[in-house]
Amino acid sequence: SSGAASPSLMLSHWERLQVDPYFTPTTEEEREEFGEQGQGFTEPNLARRFIDQVRRRKGIAVEEKIV
């Protein structure tokens, strides 16, 4: 192979995420638990992060706050 190596990659499977990427708290209880914009999670919304990464890569507008 003269030192040239190429990996063989293959998709294993798809997995559906159990989190809503567009979740926003609507009731008073949800606002108390998650905050006004749903930022009170201990971990970031993985589905939303994937969507935002794809939108940035494709050059599509991303909803984000710039402070």
C-alpha atoms as a PDB file:
ATOM      1  CA  SER A   1       0.000   0.000   0.000  1.00  0.00           C
ATOM      2  CA  SER A   2       3.067   2.275  -0.042  1.00  0.00           C
ATOM      3  CA  GLY A   3       2.161   3.681   3.337  1.00  0.00           C
ATOM      4  CA  ALA A   4      -1.212   5.028   2.171  1.00  0.00           C
ATOM      5  CA  ALA A   5      -3.929   3.762   4.426  1.00  0.00           C
ATOM      6  CA  SER A   6      -7.629   4.455   4.126  1.00  0.00           C
ATOM      7  CA  PRO A   7     -10.101   3.486   6.833  1.00  0.00           C
ATOM      8  CA  SER A   8     -13.325   1.642   6.110  1.00  0.00           C
ATOM      9  CA  LEU A   9     -16.052   3.417   8.041  1.00  0.00           C
ATOM     10  CA  MET A  10     -19.614   2.188   8.180  1.00  0.00           C
ATOM     11  CA  LEU A  11     -22.692   3.586   9.942  1.00  0.00           C
ATOM     12  CA  SER A  12     -23.680   1.306  12.783  1.00  0.00           C
ATOM     13  CA  HIS A  13     -27.189   2.553  13.584  1.00  0.00           C
ATOM     14  CA  TRP A  14     -29.439   5.556  14.157  1.00  0.00           C
ATOM     15  CA  GLU A  15     -30.754   6.355  17.603  1.00  0.00           C
ATOM     16  CA  ARG A  16     -33.691   8.618  18.385  1.00  0.00           C
ATOM     17  CA  LEU A  17     -33.019  11.112  21.192  1.00  0.00           C
ATOM     18  CA  GLN A  18     -35.698  11.360  23.877  1.00  0.00           C
ATOM     19  CA  VAL A  19     -35.343  15.137  24.321  1.00  0.00           C
ATOM     20  CA  ASP A  20     -37.324  17.864  22.534  1.00  0.00           C
ATOM     21  CA  PRO A  21     -34.915  20.267  20.783  1.00  0.00           C
ATOM     22  CA  TYR A  22     -37.541  23.037  20.720  1.00  0.00           C
ATOM     23  CA  PHE A  23     -38.613  22.805  24.381  1.00  0.00           C
ATOM     24  CA  THR A  24     -39.575  26.089  26.039  1.00  0.00           C
ATOM     25  CA  PRO A  25     -41.201  26.172  29.484  1.00  0.00           C
ATOM     26  CA  THR A  26     -44.872  27.192  29.326  1.00  0.00           C
ATOM     27  CA  THR A  27     -46.384  26.547  32.748  1.00  0.00           C
ATOM     28  CA  GLU A  28     -45.375  28.262  35.974  1.00  0.00           C
ATOM     29  CA  GLU A  29     -44.011  24.966  37.359  1.00  0.00           C
ATOM     30  CA  GLU A  30     -41.811  24.428  34.282  1.00  0.00           C
ATOM     31  CA  ARG A  31     -40.507  28.003  34.528  1.00  0.00           C
ATOM     32  CA  GLU A  32     -39.589  27.476  38.183  1.00  0.00           C
ATOM     33  CA  GLU A  33     -37.818  24.201  37.403  1.00  0.00           C
ATOM     34  CA  PHE A  34     -36.066  25.046  34.097  1.00  0.00           C
ATOM     35  CA  GLY A  35     -35.933  28.863  34.030  1.00  0.00           C
ATOM     36  CA  GLU A  36     -37.527  31.247  31.542  1.00  0.00           C
ATOM     37  CA  GLN A  37     -35.741  29.908  28.447  1.00  0.00           C
ATOM     38  CA  GLY A  38     -35.277  26.308  29.599  1.00  0.00           C
ATOM     39  CA  GLN A  39     -31.625  26.886  30.520  1.00  0.00           C
ATOM     40  CA  GLY A  40     -31.921  25.291  33.966  1.00  0.00           C
ATOM     41  CA  PHE A  41     -30.948  21.836  32.744  1.00  0.00           C
ATOM     42  CA  THR A  42     -27.899  20.252  34.309  1.00  0.00           C
ATOM     43  CA  GLU A  43     -26.696  19.217  30.841  1.00  0.00           C
ATOM     44  CA  PRO A  44     -27.195  21.067  27.554  1.00  0.00           C
ATOM     45  CA  ASN A  45     -29.948  19.972  25.188  1.00  0.00           C
ATOM     46  CA  LEU A  46     -28.091  17.480  22.988  1.00  0.00           C
ATOM     47  CA  ALA A  47     -30.679  17.445  20.200  1.00  0.00           C
ATOM     48  CA  ARG A  48     -30.677  21.247  19.973  1.00  0.00           C
ATOM     49  CA  ARG A  49     -26.881  21.311  19.924  1.00  0.00           C
ATOM     50  CA  PHE A  50     -26.821  18.858  16.969  1.00  0.00           C
ATOM     51  CA  ILE A  51     -29.380  20.947  15.076  1.00  0.00           C
ATOM     52  CA  ASP A  52     -27.423  24.155  15.669  1.00  0.00           C
ATOM     53  CA  GLN A  53     -24.148  22.550  14.532  1.00  0.00           C
ATOM     54  CA  VAL A  54     -25.710  21.342  11.284  1.00  0.00           C
ATOM     55  CA  ARG A  55     -27.351  24.723  10.646  1.00  0.00           C
ATOM     56  CA  ARG A  56     -24.013  26.529  11.162  1.00  0.00           C
ATOM     57  CA  ARG A  57     -22.200  24.105   8.860  1.00  0.00           C
ATOM     58  CA  LYS A  58     -24.809  24.642   6.120  1.00  0.00           C
ATOM     59  CA  GLY A  59     -24.803  28.418   6.568  1.00  0.00           C
ATOM     60  CA  ILE A  60     -28.388  28.613   7.855  1.00  0.00           C
ATOM     61  CA  ALA A  61     -29.353  31.126  10.557  1.00  0.00           C
ATOM     62  CA  VAL A  62     -29.133  29.863  14.145  1.00  0.00           C
ATOM     63  CA  GLU A  63     -31.245  31.226  16.998  1.00  0.00           C
ATOM     64  CA  GLU A  64     -28.745  32.294  19.636  1.00  0.00           C
ATOM     65  CA  LYS A  65     -28.281  35.215  21.970  1.00  0.00           C
ATOM     66  CA  ILE A  66     -25.226  37.395  21.537  1.00  0.00           C
ATOM     67  CA  VAL A  67     -24.447  39.316  24.702  1.00  0.00           C
END
